[in-house]
Amino acid sequence: MKTIQLNIPDTVDLNDREAKMLLASRLYEKGKLTLGQAAELVGLSKRAFMEILGDYDVSIFNYPLSELENDIKNARDYSL
């Protein structure tokens, strides 16, 4: 596992846990981490991490738009 050291100005009101959550939620949203990996980074269960993701405007449904569009097309093509 990589270790990163950040120097954040004292004027920024950010504790270690919130910094980890910001990073983990963004990496999850970008598809760089799985849900389990992101939860582990923060030290939470998957369930707890999922519940908190909404506070960071991140959907638990990490589904690329291109795949959604493909699914809609397939549904239209094969509908009865």
PDB file of N, CA and C in Angstrom:
ATOM      1  N   MET A   1       0.843  -1.176   0.000  1.00  0.00           N
ATOM      2  CA  MET A   1       0.000   0.000   0.000  1.00  0.00           C
ATOM      3  C   MET A   1       0.888   1.238   0.000  1.00  0.00           C
ATOM      4  N   LYS A   2       0.488   2.257  -0.750  1.00  0.00           N
ATOM      5  CA  LYS A   2       1.242   3.502  -0.834  1.00  0.00           C
ATOM      6  C   LYS A   2       0.936   4.395   0.369  1.00  0.00           C
ATOM      7  N   THR A   3       1.923   5.170   0.754  1.00  0.00           N
ATOM      8  CA  THR A   3       1.739   6.169   1.801  1.00  0.00           C
ATOM      9  C   THR A   3       1.965   7.538   1.181  1.00  0.00           C
ATOM     10  N   ILE A   4       1.040   8.452   1.431  1.00  0.00           N
ATOM     11  CA  ILE A   4       1.133   9.811   0.897  1.00  0.00           C
ATOM     12  C   ILE A   4       1.118  10.790   2.062  1.00  0.00           C
ATOM     13  N   GLN A   5       1.993  11.744   2.010  1.00  0.00           N
ATOM     14  CA  GLN A   5       2.012  12.790   3.033  1.00  0.00           C
ATOM     15  C   GLN A   5       1.585  14.089   2.373  1.00  0.00           C
ATOM     16  N   LEU A   6       0.579  14.744   2.940  1.00  0.00           N
ATOM     17  CA  LEU A   6       0.071  16.003   2.415  1.00  0.00           C
ATOM     18  C   LEU A   6       0.249  17.096   3.450  1.00  0.00           C
ATOM     19  N   ASN A   7       0.628  18.254   3.009  1.00  0.00           N
ATOM     20  CA  ASN A   7       0.702  19.423   3.879  1.00  0.00           C
ATOM     21  C   ASN A   7      -0.491  20.305   3.559  1.00  0.00           C
ATOM     22  N   ILE A   8      -1.454  20.322   4.455  1.00  0.00           N
ATOM     23  CA  ILE A   8      -2.689  21.081   4.270  1.00  0.00           C
ATOM     24  C   ILE A   8      -2.621  22.302   5.171  1.00  0.00           C
ATOM     25  N   PRO A   9      -2.947  23.483   4.649  1.00  0.00           N
ATOM     26  CA  PRO A   9      -2.879  24.690   5.466  1.00  0.00           C
ATOM     27  C   PRO A   9      -3.736  24.564   6.736  1.00  0.00           C
ATOM     28  N   ASP A  10      -3.272  25.168   7.806  1.00  0.00           N
ATOM     29  CA  ASP A  10      -4.000  25.132   9.080  1.00  0.00           C
ATOM     30  C   ASP A  10      -5.375  25.783   8.971  1.00  0.00           C
ATOM     31  N   THR A  11      -5.542  26.651   7.992  1.00  0.00           N
ATOM     32  CA  THR A  11      -6.830  27.337   7.823  1.00  0.00           C
ATOM     33  C   THR A  11      -7.918  26.411   7.292  1.00  0.00           C
ATOM     34  N   VAL A  12      -7.512  25.260   6.760  1.00  0.00           N
ATOM     35  CA  VAL A  12      -8.491  24.287   6.251  1.00  0.00           C
ATOM     36  C   VAL A  12      -8.915  23.390   7.408  1.00  0.00           C
ATOM     37  N   ASP A  13     -10.206  23.411   7.694  1.00  0.00           N
ATOM     38  CA  ASP A  13     -10.747  22.602   8.790  1.00  0.00           C
ATOM     39  C   ASP A  13     -11.022  21.197   8.268  1.00  0.00           C
ATOM     40  N   LEU A  14     -10.005  20.334   8.364  1.00  0.00           N
ATOM     41  CA  LEU A  14     -10.097  18.993   7.802  1.00  0.00           C
ATOM     42  C   LEU A  14      -9.315  18.036   8.687  1.00  0.00           C
ATOM     43  N   ASN A  15     -10.015  17.046   9.233  1.00  0.00           N
ATOM     44  CA  ASN A  15      -9.308  16.055  10.049  1.00  0.00           C
ATOM     45  C   ASN A  15      -8.892  14.871   9.176  1.00  0.00           C
ATOM     46  N   ASP A  16      -8.091  13.978   9.732  1.00  0.00           N
ATOM     47  CA  ASP A  16      -7.561  12.837   8.977  1.00  0.00           C
ATOM     48  C   ASP A  16      -8.667  11.981   8.379  1.00  0.00           C
ATOM     49  N   ARG A  17      -9.705  11.719   9.166  1.00  0.00           N
ATOM     50  CA  ARG A  17     -10.796  10.851   8.708  1.00  0.00           C
ATOM     51  C   ARG A  17     -11.525  11.473   7.519  1.00  0.00           C
ATOM     52  N   GLU A  18     -11.796  12.765   7.590  1.00  0.00           N
ATOM     53  CA  GLU A  18     -12.503  13.418   6.489  1.00  0.00           C
ATOM     54  C   GLU A  18     -11.629  13.464   5.230  1.00  0.00           C
ATOM     55  N   ALA A  19     -10.331  13.695   5.401  1.00  0.00           N
ATOM     56  CA  ALA A  19      -9.415  13.699   4.260  1.00  0.00           C
ATOM     57  C   ALA A  19      -9.406  12.320   3.591  1.00  0.00           C
ATOM     58  N   LYS A  20      -9.363  11.270   4.388  1.00  0.00           N
ATOM     59  CA  LYS A  20      -9.394   9.916   3.847  1.00  0.00           C
ATOM     60  C   LYS A  20     -10.711   9.652   3.126  1.00  0.00           C
ATOM     61  N   MET A  21     -11.811  10.128   3.704  1.00  0.00           N
ATOM     62  CA  MET A  21     -13.120   9.916   3.107  1.00  0.00           C
ATOM     63  C   MET A  21     -13.234  10.657   1.779  1.00  0.00           C
ATOM     64  N   LEU A  22     -12.723  11.875   1.731  1.00  0.00           N
ATOM     65  CA  LEU A  22     -12.746  12.632   0.480  1.00  0.00           C
ATOM     66  C   LEU A  22     -11.961  11.905  -0.611  1.00  0.00           C
ATOM     67  N   LEU A  23     -10.787  11.432  -0.260  1.00  0.00           N
ATOM     68  CA  LEU A  23      -9.949  10.725  -1.226  1.00  0.00           C
ATOM     69  C   LEU A  23     -10.587   9.396  -1.637  1.00  0.00           C
ATOM     70  N   ALA A  24     -11.042   8.626  -0.675  1.00  0.00           N
ATOM     71  CA  ALA A  24     -11.631   7.314  -0.973  1.00  0.00           C
ATOM     72  C   ALA A  24     -12.896   7.443  -1.815  1.00  0.00           C
ATOM     73  N   SER A  25     -13.749   8.410  -1.497  1.00  0.00           N
ATOM     74  CA  SER A  25     -14.995   8.566  -2.252  1.00  0.00           C
ATOM     75  C   SER A  25     -14.715   8.987  -3.685  1.00  0.00           C
ATOM     76  N   ARG A  26     -13.743   9.862  -3.869  1.00  0.00           N
ATOM     77  CA  ARG A  26     -13.404  10.313  -5.232  1.00  0.00           C
ATOM     78  C   ARG A  26     -12.763   9.180  -6.042  1.00  0.00           C
ATOM     79  N   LEU A  27     -11.877   8.419  -5.413  1.00  0.00           N
ATOM     80  CA  LEU A  27     -11.249   7.299  -6.118  1.00  0.00           C
ATOM     81  C   LEU A  27     -12.270   6.221  -6.468  1.00  0.00           C
ATOM     82  N   TYR A  28     -13.241   6.011  -5.582  1.00  0.00           N
ATOM     83  CA  TYR A  28     -14.322   5.058  -5.869  1.00  0.00           C
ATOM     84  C   TYR A  28     -15.165   5.567  -7.043  1.00  0.00           C
ATOM     85  N   GLU A  29     -15.509   6.851  -6.993  1.00  0.00           N
ATOM     86  CA  GLU A  29     -16.327   7.447  -8.046  1.00  0.00           C
ATOM     87  C   GLU A  29     -15.638   7.351  -9.409  1.00  0.00           C
ATOM     88  N   LYS A  30     -14.341   7.506  -9.438  1.00  0.00           N
ATOM     89  CA  LYS A  30     -13.568   7.444 -10.679  1.00  0.00           C
ATOM     90  C   LYS A  30     -13.282   6.006 -11.127  1.00  0.00           C
ATOM     91  N   GLY A  31     -13.632   5.029 -10.287  1.00  0.00           N
ATOM     92  CA  GLY A  31     -13.408   3.634 -10.637  1.00  0.00           C
ATOM     93  C   GLY A  31     -11.988   3.156 -10.366  1.00  0.00           C
ATOM     94  N   LYS A  32     -11.240   3.937  -9.610  1.00  0.00           N
ATOM     95  CA  LYS A  32      -9.861   3.558  -9.274  1.00  0.00           C
ATOM     96  C   LYS A  32      -9.822   2.573  -8.112  1.00  0.00           C
ATOM     97  N   LEU A  33     -10.845   2.591  -7.262  1.00  0.00           N
ATOM     98  CA  LEU A  33     -10.961   1.673  -6.130  1.00  0.00           C
ATOM     99  C   LEU A  33     -12.315   0.990  -6.178  1.00  0.00           C
ATOM    100  N   THR A  34     -12.357  -0.249  -5.743  1.00  0.00           N
ATOM    101  CA  THR A  34     -13.638  -0.924  -5.567  1.00  0.00           C
ATOM    102  C   THR A  34     -14.289  -0.379  -4.302  1.00  0.00           C
ATOM    103  N   LEU A  35     -15.535  -0.702  -4.103  1.00  0.00           N
ATOM    104  CA  LEU A  35     -16.227  -0.282  -2.892  1.00  0.00           C
ATOM    105  C   LEU A  35     -15.505  -0.800  -1.651  1.00  0.00           C
ATOM    106  N   GLY A  36     -15.102  -2.063  -1.694  1.00  0.00           N
ATOM    107  CA  GLY A  36     -14.399  -2.662  -0.562  1.00  0.00           C
ATOM    108  C   GLY A  36     -13.060  -2.006  -0.292  1.00  0.00           C
ATOM    109  N   GLN A  37     -12.308  -1.703  -1.346  1.00  0.00           N
ATOM    110  CA  GLN A  37     -11.009  -1.048  -1.179  1.00  0.00           C
ATOM    111  C   GLN A  37     -11.174   0.353  -0.596  1.00  0.00           C
ATOM    112  N   ALA A  38     -12.160   1.083  -1.094  1.00  0.00           N
ATOM    113  CA  ALA A  38     -12.400   2.435  -0.594  1.00  0.00           C
ATOM    114  C   ALA A  38     -12.819   2.407   0.874  1.00  0.00           C
ATOM    115  N   ALA A  39     -13.684   1.472   1.223  1.00  0.00           N
ATOM    116  CA  ALA A  39     -14.123   1.344   2.616  1.00  0.00           C
ATOM    117  C   ALA A  39     -12.941   0.999   3.515  1.00  0.00           C
ATOM    118  N   GLU A  40     -12.088   0.111   3.044  1.00  0.00           N
ATOM    119  CA  GLU A  40     -10.913  -0.279   3.823  1.00  0.00           C
ATOM    120  C   GLU A  40      -9.966   0.905   4.029  1.00  0.00           C
ATOM    121  N   LEU A  41      -9.808   1.734   2.999  1.00  0.00           N
ATOM    122  CA  LEU A  41      -8.948   2.909   3.098  1.00  0.00           C
ATOM    123  C   LEU A  41      -9.382   3.824   4.235  1.00  0.00           C
ATOM    124  N   VAL A  42     -10.682   3.947   4.406  1.00  0.00           N
ATOM    125  CA  VAL A  42     -11.224   4.815   5.452  1.00  0.00           C
ATOM    126  C   VAL A  42     -11.334   4.090   6.792  1.00  0.00           C
ATOM    127  N   GLY A  43     -11.306   2.764   6.753  1.00  0.00           N
ATOM    128  CA  GLY A  43     -11.442   1.998   7.985  1.00  0.00           C
ATOM    129  C   GLY A  43     -12.883   1.747   8.369  1.00  0.00           C
ATOM    130  N   LEU A  44     -13.738   1.617   7.343  1.00  0.00           N
ATOM    131  CA  LEU A  44     -15.163   1.379   7.565  1.00  0.00           C
ATOM    132  C   LEU A  44     -15.585   0.072   6.916  1.00  0.00           C
ATOM    133  N   SER A  45     -16.733  -0.424   7.343  1.00  0.00           N
ATOM    134  CA  SER A  45     -17.331  -1.563   6.647  1.00  0.00           C
ATOM    135  C   SER A  45     -17.882  -1.056   5.317  1.00  0.00           C
ATOM    136  N   LYS A  46     -18.131  -1.974   4.396  1.00  0.00           N
ATOM    137  CA  LYS A  46     -18.718  -1.571   3.117  1.00  0.00           C
ATOM    138  C   LYS A  46     -20.052  -0.862   3.334  1.00  0.00           C
ATOM    139  N   ARG A  47     -20.841  -1.409   4.219  1.00  0.00           N
ATOM    140  CA  ARG A  47     -22.167  -0.833   4.480  1.00  0.00           C
ATOM    141  C   ARG A  47     -22.056   0.589   5.000  1.00  0.00           C
ATOM    142  N   ALA A  48     -21.179   0.817   5.972  1.00  0.00           N
ATOM    143  CA  ALA A  48     -21.015   2.159   6.537  1.00  0.00           C
ATOM    144  C   ALA A  48     -20.496   3.124   5.468  1.00  0.00           C
ATOM    145  N   PHE A  49     -19.557   2.653   4.659  1.00  0.00           N
ATOM    146  CA  PHE A  49     -19.017   3.504   3.597  1.00  0.00           C
ATOM    147  C   PHE A  49     -20.117   3.878   2.606  1.00  0.00           C
ATOM    148  N   MET A  50     -20.936   2.907   2.215  1.00  0.00           N
ATOM    149  CA  MET A  50     -22.041   3.177   1.282  1.00  0.00           C
ATOM    150  C   MET A  50     -23.000   4.216   1.854  1.00  0.00           C
ATOM    151  N   GLU A  51     -23.283   4.120   3.139  1.00  0.00           N
ATOM    152  CA  GLU A  51     -24.215   5.053   3.767  1.00  0.00           C
ATOM    153  C   GLU A  51     -23.665   6.477   3.784  1.00  0.00           C
ATOM    154  N   ILE A  52     -22.361   6.616   3.876  1.00  0.00           N
ATOM    155  CA  ILE A  52     -21.735   7.938   3.956  1.00  0.00           C
ATOM    156  C   ILE A  52     -21.490   8.539   2.572  1.00  0.00           C
ATOM    157  N   LEU A  53     -21.407   7.723   1.539  1.00  0.00           N
ATOM    158  CA  LEU A  53     -21.107   8.229   0.201  1.00  0.00           C
ATOM    159  C   LEU A  53     -22.045   9.346  -0.248  1.00  0.00           C
ATOM    160  N   GLY A  54     -23.298   9.267   0.109  1.00  0.00           N
ATOM    161  CA  GLY A  54     -24.254  10.297  -0.268  1.00  0.00           C
ATOM    162  C   GLY A  54     -23.883  11.670   0.260  1.00  0.00           C
ATOM    163  N   ASP A  55     -23.237  11.717   1.424  1.00  0.00           N
ATOM    164  CA  ASP A  55     -22.793  12.992   1.994  1.00  0.00           C
ATOM    165  C   ASP A  55     -21.722  13.654   1.134  1.00  0.00           C
ATOM    166  N   TYR A  56     -21.079  12.862   0.271  1.00  0.00           N
ATOM    167  CA  TYR A  56     -20.017  13.354  -0.609  1.00  0.00           C
ATOM    168  C   TYR A  56     -20.483  13.417  -2.062  1.00  0.00           C
ATOM    169  N   ASP A  57     -21.806  13.346  -2.252  1.00  0.00           N
ATOM    170  CA  ASP A  57     -22.430  13.399  -3.581  1.00  0.00           C
ATOM    171  C   ASP A  57     -21.887  12.335  -4.527  1.00  0.00           C
ATOM    172  N   VAL A  58     -21.677  11.139  -3.988  1.00  0.00           N
ATOM    173  CA  VAL A  58     -21.199  10.011  -4.785  1.00  0.00           C
ATOM    174  C   VAL A  58     -22.243   8.910  -4.710  1.00  0.00           C
ATOM    175  N   SER A  59     -22.655   8.416  -5.866  1.00  0.00           N
ATOM    176  CA  SER A  59     -23.632   7.331  -5.923  1.00  0.00           C
ATOM    177  C   SER A  59     -22.952   5.993  -5.650  1.00  0.00           C
ATOM    178  N   ILE A  60     -23.661   5.116  -4.972  1.00  0.00           N
ATOM    179  CA  ILE A  60     -23.112   3.768  -4.760  1.00  0.00           C
ATOM    180  C   ILE A  60     -23.183   2.959  -6.044  1.00  0.00           C
ATOM    181  N   PHE A  61     -23.987   3.417  -6.987  1.00  0.00           N
ATOM    182  CA  PHE A  61     -24.122   2.733  -8.266  1.00  0.00           C
ATOM    183  C   PHE A  61     -23.100   3.323  -9.222  1.00  0.00           C
ATOM    184  N   ASN A  62     -21.916   2.784  -9.187  1.00  0.00           N
ATOM    185  CA  ASN A  62     -20.808   3.267  -9.992  1.00  0.00           C
ATOM    186  C   ASN A  62     -20.884   2.592 -11.356  1.00  0.00           C
ATOM    187  N   TYR A  63     -21.776   3.098 -12.190  1.00  0.00           N
ATOM    188  CA  TYR A  63     -22.096   2.479 -13.463  1.00  0.00           C
ATOM    189  C   TYR A  63     -21.794   3.478 -14.571  1.00  0.00           C
ATOM    190  N   PRO A  64     -20.844   3.195 -15.441  1.00  0.00           N
ATOM    191  CA  PRO A  64     -20.486   4.133 -16.502  1.00  0.00           C
ATOM    192  C   PRO A  64     -21.663   4.443 -17.424  1.00  0.00           C
ATOM    193  N   LEU A  65     -21.759   5.689 -17.856  1.00  0.00           N
ATOM    194  CA  LEU A  65     -22.838   6.123 -18.733  1.00  0.00           C
ATOM    195  C   LEU A  65     -22.890   5.301 -20.013  1.00  0.00           C
ATOM    196  N   SER A  66     -21.736   4.956 -20.555  1.00  0.00           N
ATOM    197  CA  SER A  66     -21.711   4.184 -21.797  1.00  0.00           C
ATOM    198  C   SER A  66     -22.377   2.819 -21.616  1.00  0.00           C
ATOM    199  N   GLU A  67     -22.174   2.192 -20.463  1.00  0.00           N
ATOM    200  CA  GLU A  67     -22.805   0.892 -20.210  1.00  0.00           C
ATOM    201  C   GLU A  67     -24.311   1.049 -20.033  1.00  0.00           C
ATOM    202  N   LEU A  68     -24.727   2.131 -19.385  1.00  0.00           N
ATOM    203  CA  LEU A  68     -26.151   2.385 -19.202  1.00  0.00           C
ATOM    204  C   LEU A  68     -26.819   2.603 -20.559  1.00  0.00           C
ATOM    205  N   GLU A  69     -26.189   3.393 -21.408  1.00  0.00           N
ATOM    206  CA  GLU A  69     -26.735   3.637 -22.746  1.00  0.00           C
ATOM    207  C   GLU A  69     -26.826   2.339 -23.536  1.00  0.00           C
ATOM    208  N   ASN A  70     -25.830   1.484 -23.412  1.00  0.00           N
ATOM    209  CA  ASN A  70     -25.836   0.187 -24.098  1.00  0.00           C
ATOM    210  C   ASN A  70     -26.969  -0.686 -23.576  1.00  0.00           C
ATOM    211  N   ASP A  71     -27.192  -0.673 -22.270  1.00  0.00           N
ATOM    212  CA  ASP A  71     -28.283  -1.461 -21.688  1.00  0.00           C
ATOM    213  C   ASP A  71     -29.642  -0.965 -22.180  1.00  0.00           C
ATOM    214  N   ILE A  72     -29.811   0.344 -22.283  1.00  0.00           N
ATOM    215  CA  ILE A  72     -31.073   0.918 -22.767  1.00  0.00           C
ATOM    216  C   ILE A  72     -31.294   0.513 -24.223  1.00  0.00           C
ATOM    217  N   LYS A  73     -30.233   0.600 -25.028  1.00  0.00           N
ATOM    218  CA  LYS A  73     -30.328   0.198 -26.437  1.00  0.00           C
ATOM    219  C   LYS A  73     -30.719  -1.273 -26.546  1.00  0.00           C
ATOM    220  N   ASN A  74     -30.063  -2.115 -25.756  1.00  0.00           N
ATOM    221  CA  ASN A  74     -30.381  -3.546 -25.787  1.00  0.00           C
ATOM    222  C   ASN A  74     -31.825  -3.801 -25.363  1.00  0.00           C
ATOM    223  N   ALA A  75     -32.292  -3.092 -24.361  1.00  0.00           N
ATOM    224  CA  ALA A  75     -33.667  -3.270 -23.889  1.00  0.00           C
ATOM    225  C   ALA A  75     -34.662  -2.894 -24.991  1.00  0.00           C
ATOM    226  N   ARG A  76     -34.358  -1.807 -25.706  1.00  0.00           N
ATOM    227  CA  ARG A  76     -35.237  -1.392 -26.802  1.00  0.00           C
ATOM    228  C   ARG A  76     -35.214  -2.401 -27.945  1.00  0.00           C
ATOM    229  N   ASP A  77     -34.009  -2.888 -28.268  1.00  0.00           N
ATOM    230  CA  ASP A  77     -33.867  -3.834 -29.385  1.00  0.00           C
ATOM    231  C   ASP A  77     -34.560  -5.168 -29.114  1.00  0.00           C
ATOM    232  N   TYR A  78     -34.602  -5.581 -27.866  1.00  0.00           N
ATOM    233  CA  TYR A  78     -35.123  -6.908 -27.540  1.00  0.00           C
ATOM    234  C   TYR A  78     -36.453  -6.870 -26.769  1.00  0.00           C
ATOM    235  N   SER A  79     -37.112  -5.700 -26.792  1.00  0.00           N
ATOM    236  CA  SER A  79     -38.398  -5.639 -26.079  1.00  0.00           C
ATOM    237  C   SER A  79     -39.464  -6.343 -26.890  1.00  0.00           C
ATOM    238  N   LEU A  80     -40.456  -6.837 -26.172  1.00  0.00           N
ATOM    239  CA  LEU A  80     -41.531  -7.581 -26.842  1.00  0.00           C
ATOM    240  C   LEU A  80     -42.477  -6.644 -27.451  1.00  0.00           C
TER     241      LEU A  80
END
